[in-house]
Amino acid sequence: MELRDVTVLFFDSDESLVMKKAVVRGMATENGSRVQLPEHFREGKVIVAVLNGDVEVLSLVGDRI
């Protein structure tokens, strides 16, 4: 089992025009499998991307709205 940090890009279901970023630390994966985000984290979100590591996002959709 491997533990990794991931960056998640998502929209909140109540603020659909503002993309957000969150870093989730210590996610377990086995044999190169996909990261399984906890249900409590996924609730109310539309997940756009899951990126390996703590990614510095320079600009997001909705930043200038």
PDB file of N, CA and C in Angstrom:
ATOM      1  N   MET A   1       0.853  -1.181   0.000  1.00  0.00           N
ATOM      2  CA  MET A   1       0.000   0.000   0.000  1.00  0.00           C
ATOM      3  C   MET A   1       0.897   1.242   0.000  1.00  0.00           C
ATOM      4  N   GLU A   2       0.515   2.202  -0.818  1.00  0.00           N
ATOM      5  CA  GLU A   2       1.250   3.458  -0.937  1.00  0.00           C
ATOM      6  C   GLU A   2       0.345   4.593  -0.478  1.00  0.00           C
ATOM      7  N   LEU A   3       0.896   5.526   0.290  1.00  0.00           N
ATOM      8  CA  LEU A   3       0.151   6.718   0.695  1.00  0.00           C
ATOM      9  C   LEU A   3       0.622   7.889  -0.146  1.00  0.00           C
ATOM     10  N   ARG A   4      -0.315   8.654  -0.669  1.00  0.00           N
ATOM     11  CA  ARG A   4       0.069   9.803  -1.487  1.00  0.00           C
ATOM     12  C   ARG A   4      -0.845  10.982  -1.208  1.00  0.00           C
ATOM     13  N   ASP A   5      -0.312  12.158  -1.465  1.00  0.00           N
ATOM     14  CA  ASP A   5      -1.102  13.381  -1.401  1.00  0.00           C
ATOM     15  C   ASP A   5      -1.637  13.652  -2.797  1.00  0.00           C
ATOM     16  N   VAL A   6      -2.865  14.138  -2.883  1.00  0.00           N
ATOM     17  CA  VAL A   6      -3.455  14.467  -4.181  1.00  0.00           C
ATOM     18  C   VAL A   6      -4.101  15.848  -4.118  1.00  0.00           C
ATOM     19  N   THR A   7      -4.109  16.513  -5.256  1.00  0.00           N
ATOM     20  CA  THR A   7      -4.823  17.776  -5.408  1.00  0.00           C
ATOM     21  C   THR A   7      -6.098  17.485  -6.178  1.00  0.00           C
ATOM     22  N   VAL A   8      -7.214  17.972  -5.664  1.00  0.00           N
ATOM     23  CA  VAL A   8      -8.508  17.744  -6.289  1.00  0.00           C
ATOM     24  C   VAL A   8      -9.047  19.087  -6.788  1.00  0.00           C
ATOM     25  N   LEU A   9      -9.402  19.143  -8.068  1.00  0.00           N
ATOM     26  CA  LEU A   9     -10.079  20.303  -8.642  1.00  0.00           C
ATOM     27  C   LEU A   9     -11.554  19.972  -8.721  1.00  0.00           C
ATOM     28  N   PHE A  10     -12.403  20.888  -8.258  1.00  0.00           N
ATOM     29  CA  PHE A  10     -13.825  20.575  -8.179  1.00  0.00           C
ATOM     30  C   PHE A  10     -14.682  21.835  -8.216  1.00  0.00           C
ATOM     31  N   PHE A  11     -15.955  21.634  -8.483  1.00  0.00           N
ATOM     32  CA  PHE A  11     -16.973  22.664  -8.347  1.00  0.00           C
ATOM     33  C   PHE A  11     -17.866  22.266  -7.182  1.00  0.00           C
ATOM     34  N   ASP A  12     -18.232  23.233  -6.334  1.00  0.00           N
ATOM     35  CA  ASP A  12     -19.271  22.986  -5.338  1.00  0.00           C
ATOM     36  C   ASP A  12     -20.595  22.983  -6.060  1.00  0.00           C
ATOM     37  N   SER A  13     -21.497  22.136  -5.653  1.00  0.00           N
ATOM     38  CA  SER A  13     -22.780  22.060  -6.352  1.00  0.00           C
ATOM     39  C   SER A  13     -23.587  23.348  -6.197  1.00  0.00           C
ATOM     40  N   ASP A  14     -23.338  24.135  -5.145  1.00  0.00           N
ATOM     41  CA  ASP A  14     -24.085  25.376  -4.947  1.00  0.00           C
ATOM     42  C   ASP A  14     -23.411  26.596  -5.572  1.00  0.00           C
ATOM     43  N   GLU A  15     -22.134  26.481  -5.989  1.00  0.00           N
ATOM     44  CA  GLU A  15     -21.411  27.574  -6.637  1.00  0.00           C
ATOM     45  C   GLU A  15     -20.811  27.048  -7.935  1.00  0.00           C
ATOM     46  N   SER A  16     -21.646  26.753  -8.901  1.00  0.00           N
ATOM     47  CA  SER A  16     -21.210  26.016 -10.081  1.00  0.00           C
ATOM     48  C   SER A  16     -20.230  26.760 -10.986  1.00  0.00           C
ATOM     49  N   LEU A  17     -20.055  28.068 -10.838  1.00  0.00           N
ATOM     50  CA  LEU A  17     -19.153  28.801 -11.715  1.00  0.00           C
ATOM     51  C   LEU A  17     -17.762  29.019 -11.127  1.00  0.00           C
ATOM     52  N   VAL A  18     -17.529  28.615  -9.910  1.00  0.00           N
ATOM     53  CA  VAL A  18     -16.241  28.846  -9.267  1.00  0.00           C
ATOM     54  C   VAL A  18     -15.554  27.503  -9.012  1.00  0.00           C
ATOM     55  N   MET A  19     -14.462  27.246  -9.751  1.00  0.00           N
ATOM     56  CA  MET A  19     -13.700  26.018  -9.525  1.00  0.00           C
ATOM     57  C   MET A  19     -12.832  26.204  -8.287  1.00  0.00           C
ATOM     58  N   LYS A  20     -12.701  25.148  -7.515  1.00  0.00           N
ATOM     59  CA  LYS A  20     -11.910  25.193  -6.284  1.00  0.00           C
ATOM     60  C   LYS A  20     -10.856  24.096  -6.297  1.00  0.00           C
ATOM     61  N   LYS A  21      -9.909  24.208  -5.371  1.00  0.00           N
ATOM     62  CA  LYS A  21      -8.819  23.251  -5.227  1.00  0.00           C
ATOM     63  C   LYS A  21      -8.728  22.828  -3.771  1.00  0.00           C
ATOM     64  N   ALA A  22      -8.456  21.545  -3.537  1.00  0.00           N
ATOM     65  CA  ALA A  22      -8.201  21.046  -2.190  1.00  0.00           C
ATOM     66  C   ALA A  22      -7.093  20.005  -2.273  1.00  0.00           C
ATOM     67  N   VAL A  23      -6.214  19.996  -1.265  1.00  0.00           N
ATOM     68  CA  VAL A  23      -5.181  18.969  -1.167  1.00  0.00           C
ATOM     69  C   VAL A  23      -5.645  17.966  -0.119  1.00  0.00           C
ATOM     70  N   VAL A  24      -5.686  16.706  -0.515  1.00  0.00           N
ATOM     71  CA  VAL A  24      -6.085  15.628   0.392  1.00  0.00           C
ATOM     72  C   VAL A  24      -4.831  14.800   0.645  1.00  0.00           C
ATOM     73  N   ARG A  25      -4.439  14.696   1.877  1.00  0.00           N
ATOM     74  CA  ARG A  25      -3.171  14.047   2.235  1.00  0.00           C
ATOM     75  C   ARG A  25      -3.377  12.604   2.706  1.00  0.00           C
ATOM     76  N   GLY A  26      -2.388  11.770   2.404  1.00  0.00           N
ATOM     77  CA  GLY A  26      -2.372  10.404   2.906  1.00  0.00           C
ATOM     78  C   GLY A  26      -3.399   9.470   2.315  1.00  0.00           C
ATOM     79  N   MET A  27      -3.696   9.638   1.034  1.00  0.00           N
ATOM     80  CA  MET A  27      -4.658   8.748   0.382  1.00  0.00           C
ATOM     81  C   MET A  27      -3.973   7.427   0.033  1.00  0.00           C
ATOM     82  N   ALA A  28      -4.610   6.321   0.353  1.00  0.00           N
ATOM     83  CA  ALA A  28      -4.039   4.994   0.124  1.00  0.00           C
ATOM     84  C   ALA A  28      -4.352   4.495  -1.281  1.00  0.00           C
ATOM     85  N   THR A  29      -3.325   3.916  -1.929  1.00  0.00           N
ATOM     86  CA  THR A  29      -3.513   3.232  -3.208  1.00  0.00           C
ATOM     87  C   THR A  29      -2.746   1.924  -3.160  1.00  0.00           C
ATOM     88  N   GLU A  30      -3.203   0.968  -3.926  1.00  0.00           N
ATOM     89  CA  GLU A  30      -2.527  -0.324  -4.004  1.00  0.00           C
ATOM     90  C   GLU A  30      -2.275  -0.686  -5.454  1.00  0.00           C
ATOM     91  N   ASN A  31      -1.037  -1.083  -5.765  1.00  0.00           N
ATOM     92  CA  ASN A  31      -0.667  -1.556  -7.102  1.00  0.00           C
ATOM     93  C   ASN A  31      -1.112  -0.613  -8.222  1.00  0.00           C
ATOM     94  N   GLY A  32      -0.882   0.680  -8.047  1.00  0.00           N
ATOM     95  CA  GLY A  32      -1.213   1.643  -9.090  1.00  0.00           C
ATOM     96  C   GLY A  32      -2.687   1.910  -9.281  1.00  0.00           C
ATOM     97  N   SER A  33      -3.520   1.503  -8.327  1.00  0.00           N
ATOM     98  CA  SER A  33      -4.958   1.719  -8.466  1.00  0.00           C
ATOM     99  C   SER A  33      -5.310   3.193  -8.276  1.00  0.00           C
ATOM    100  N   ARG A  34      -6.530   3.535  -8.660  1.00  0.00           N
ATOM    101  CA  ARG A  34      -6.999   4.906  -8.500  1.00  0.00           C
ATOM    102  C   ARG A  34      -7.165   5.254  -7.033  1.00  0.00           C
ATOM    103  N   VAL A  35      -7.006   6.525  -6.738  1.00  0.00           N
ATOM    104  CA  VAL A  35      -7.254   7.039  -5.397  1.00  0.00           C
ATOM    105  C   VAL A  35      -8.771   7.053  -5.172  1.00  0.00           C
ATOM    106  N   GLN A  36      -9.204   6.568  -4.041  1.00  0.00           N
ATOM    107  CA  GLN A  36     -10.619   6.577  -3.683  1.00  0.00           C
ATOM    108  C   GLN A  36     -10.844   7.695  -2.662  1.00  0.00           C
ATOM    109  N   LEU A  37     -11.438   8.792  -3.111  1.00  0.00           N
ATOM    110  CA  LEU A  37     -11.710   9.912  -2.210  1.00  0.00           C
ATOM    111  C   LEU A  37     -12.833   9.530  -1.251  1.00  0.00           C
ATOM    112  N   PRO A  38     -12.720   9.929   0.011  1.00  0.00           N
ATOM    113  CA  PRO A  38     -13.760   9.594   0.993  1.00  0.00           C
ATOM    114  C   PRO A  38     -15.109  10.203   0.600  1.00  0.00           C
ATOM    115  N   GLU A  39     -16.166   9.486   0.893  1.00  0.00           N
ATOM    116  CA  GLU A  39     -17.526   9.942   0.566  1.00  0.00           C
ATOM    117  C   GLU A  39     -17.812  11.309   1.184  1.00  0.00           C
ATOM    118  N   HIS A  40     -17.380  11.537   2.430  1.00  0.00           N
ATOM    119  CA  HIS A  40     -17.665  12.823   3.074  1.00  0.00           C
ATOM    120  C   HIS A  40     -16.974  13.976   2.346  1.00  0.00           C
ATOM    121  N   PHE A  41     -15.846  13.726   1.680  1.00  0.00           N
ATOM    122  CA  PHE A  41     -15.177  14.763   0.892  1.00  0.00           C
ATOM    123  C   PHE A  41     -15.925  14.998  -0.423  1.00  0.00           C
ATOM    124  N   ARG A  42     -16.399  13.948  -1.059  1.00  0.00           N
ATOM    125  CA  ARG A  42     -17.050  14.042  -2.373  1.00  0.00           C
ATOM    126  C   ARG A  42     -18.440  14.664  -2.314  1.00  0.00           C
ATOM    127  N   GLU A  43     -19.093  14.594  -1.160  1.00  0.00           N
ATOM    128  CA  GLU A  43     -20.467  15.095  -1.031  1.00  0.00           C
ATOM    129  C   GLU A  43     -20.561  16.558  -1.432  1.00  0.00           C
ATOM    130  N   GLY A  44     -21.510  16.860  -2.328  1.00  0.00           N
ATOM    131  CA  GLY A  44     -21.767  18.234  -2.725  1.00  0.00           C
ATOM    132  C   GLY A  44     -20.758  18.806  -3.702  1.00  0.00           C
ATOM    133  N   LYS A  45     -19.912  17.951  -4.295  1.00  0.00           N
ATOM    134  CA  LYS A  45     -18.889  18.417  -5.217  1.00  0.00           C
ATOM    135  C   LYS A  45     -19.010  17.717  -6.565  1.00  0.00           C
ATOM    136  N   VAL A  46     -18.620  18.438  -7.611  1.00  0.00           N
ATOM    137  CA  VAL A  46     -18.450  17.849  -8.930  1.00  0.00           C
ATOM    138  C   VAL A  46     -16.943  17.807  -9.149  1.00  0.00           C
ATOM    139  N   ILE A  47     -16.355  16.600  -9.080  1.00  0.00           N
ATOM    140  CA  ILE A  47     -14.906  16.424  -9.194  1.00  0.00           C
ATOM    141  C   ILE A  47     -14.511  16.548 -10.661  1.00  0.00           C
ATOM    142  N   VAL A  48     -13.573  17.435 -10.948  1.00  0.00           N
ATOM    143  CA  VAL A  48     -13.085  17.652 -12.304  1.00  0.00           C
ATOM    144  C   VAL A  48     -11.808  16.857 -12.547  1.00  0.00           C
ATOM    145  N   ALA A  49     -10.880  16.889 -11.584  1.00  0.00           N
ATOM    146  CA  ALA A  49      -9.598  16.205 -11.757  1.00  0.00           C
ATOM    147  C   ALA A  49      -8.998  15.864 -10.410  1.00  0.00           C
ATOM    148  N   VAL A  50      -8.232  14.767 -10.394  1.00  0.00           N
ATOM    149  CA  VAL A  50      -7.441  14.379  -9.235  1.00  0.00           C
ATOM    150  C   VAL A  50      -6.001  14.296  -9.723  1.00  0.00           C
ATOM    151  N   LEU A  51      -5.139  15.128  -9.138  1.00  0.00           N
ATOM    152  CA  LEU A  51      -3.759  15.254  -9.582  1.00  0.00           C
ATOM    153  C   LEU A  51      -2.811  14.741  -8.505  1.00  0.00           C
ATOM    154  N   ASN A  52      -1.707  14.144  -8.914  1.00  0.00           N
ATOM    155  CA  ASN A  52      -0.737  13.602  -7.981  1.00  0.00           C
ATOM    156  C   ASN A  52       0.045  14.731  -7.319  1.00  0.00           C
ATOM    157  N   GLY A  53       0.093  14.713  -5.997  1.00  0.00           N
ATOM    158  CA  GLY A  53       0.891  15.679  -5.249  1.00  0.00           C
ATOM    159  C   GLY A  53       0.132  16.955  -4.926  1.00  0.00           C
ATOM    160  N   ASP A  54       0.856  17.869  -4.268  1.00  0.00           N
ATOM    161  CA  ASP A  54       0.330  19.179  -3.907  1.00  0.00           C
ATOM    162  C   ASP A  54       0.682  20.125  -5.044  1.00  0.00           C
ATOM    163  N   VAL A  55      -0.270  20.335  -5.944  1.00  0.00           N
ATOM    164  CA  VAL A  55      -0.046  21.097  -7.165  1.00  0.00           C
ATOM    165  C   VAL A  55      -0.354  22.575  -6.917  1.00  0.00           C
ATOM    166  N   GLU A  56       0.512  23.445  -7.396  1.00  0.00           N
ATOM    167  CA  GLU A  56       0.258  24.882  -7.323  1.00  0.00           C
ATOM    168  C   GLU A  56      -0.560  25.273  -8.553  1.00  0.00           C
ATOM    169  N   VAL A  57      -1.794  25.674  -8.327  1.00  0.00           N
ATOM    170  CA  VAL A  57      -2.683  26.079  -9.413  1.00  0.00           C
ATOM    171  C   VAL A  57      -2.549  27.591  -9.568  1.00  0.00           C
ATOM    172  N   LEU A  58      -2.192  28.026 -10.755  1.00  0.00           N
ATOM    173  CA  LEU A  58      -1.978  29.455 -10.997  1.00  0.00           C
ATOM    174  C   LEU A  58      -3.259  30.188 -11.361  1.00  0.00           C
ATOM    175  N   SER A  59      -4.190  29.502 -11.974  1.00  0.00           N
ATOM    176  CA  SER A  59      -5.439  30.133 -12.385  1.00  0.00           C
ATOM    177  C   SER A  59      -6.505  29.057 -12.538  1.00  0.00           C
ATOM    178  N   LEU A  60      -7.711  29.365 -12.081  1.00  0.00           N
ATOM    179  CA  LEU A  60      -8.829  28.435 -12.181  1.00  0.00           C
ATOM    180  C   LEU A  60      -9.981  29.070 -12.932  1.00  0.00           C
ATOM    181  N   VAL A  61     -10.805  28.247 -13.546  1.00  0.00           N
ATOM    182  CA  VAL A  61     -12.031  28.734 -14.168  1.00  0.00           C
ATOM    183  C   VAL A  61     -12.868  29.421 -13.103  1.00  0.00           C
ATOM    184  N   GLY A  62     -13.354  30.604 -13.408  1.00  0.00           N
ATOM    185  CA  GLY A  62     -14.185  31.323 -12.450  1.00  0.00           C
ATOM    186  C   GLY A  62     -13.426  32.326 -11.620  1.00  0.00           C
ATOM    187  N   ASP A  63     -12.086  32.341 -11.690  1.00  0.00           N
ATOM    188  CA  ASP A  63     -11.307  33.294 -10.905  1.00  0.00           C
ATOM    189  C   ASP A  63     -11.637  34.741 -11.255  1.00  0.00           C
ATOM    190  N   ARG A  64     -12.021  34.975 -12.491  1.00  0.00           N
ATOM    191  CA  ARG A  64     -12.240  36.353 -12.942  1.00  0.00           C
ATOM    192  C   ARG A  64     -13.703  36.691 -13.146  1.00  0.00           C
ATOM    193  N   ILE A  65     -14.572  35.867 -12.631  1.00  0.00           N
ATOM    194  CA  ILE A  65     -16.010  36.150 -12.779  1.00  0.00           C
ATOM    195  C   ILE A  65     -16.441  37.093 -11.681  1.00  0.00           C
TER     196      ILE A  65
END
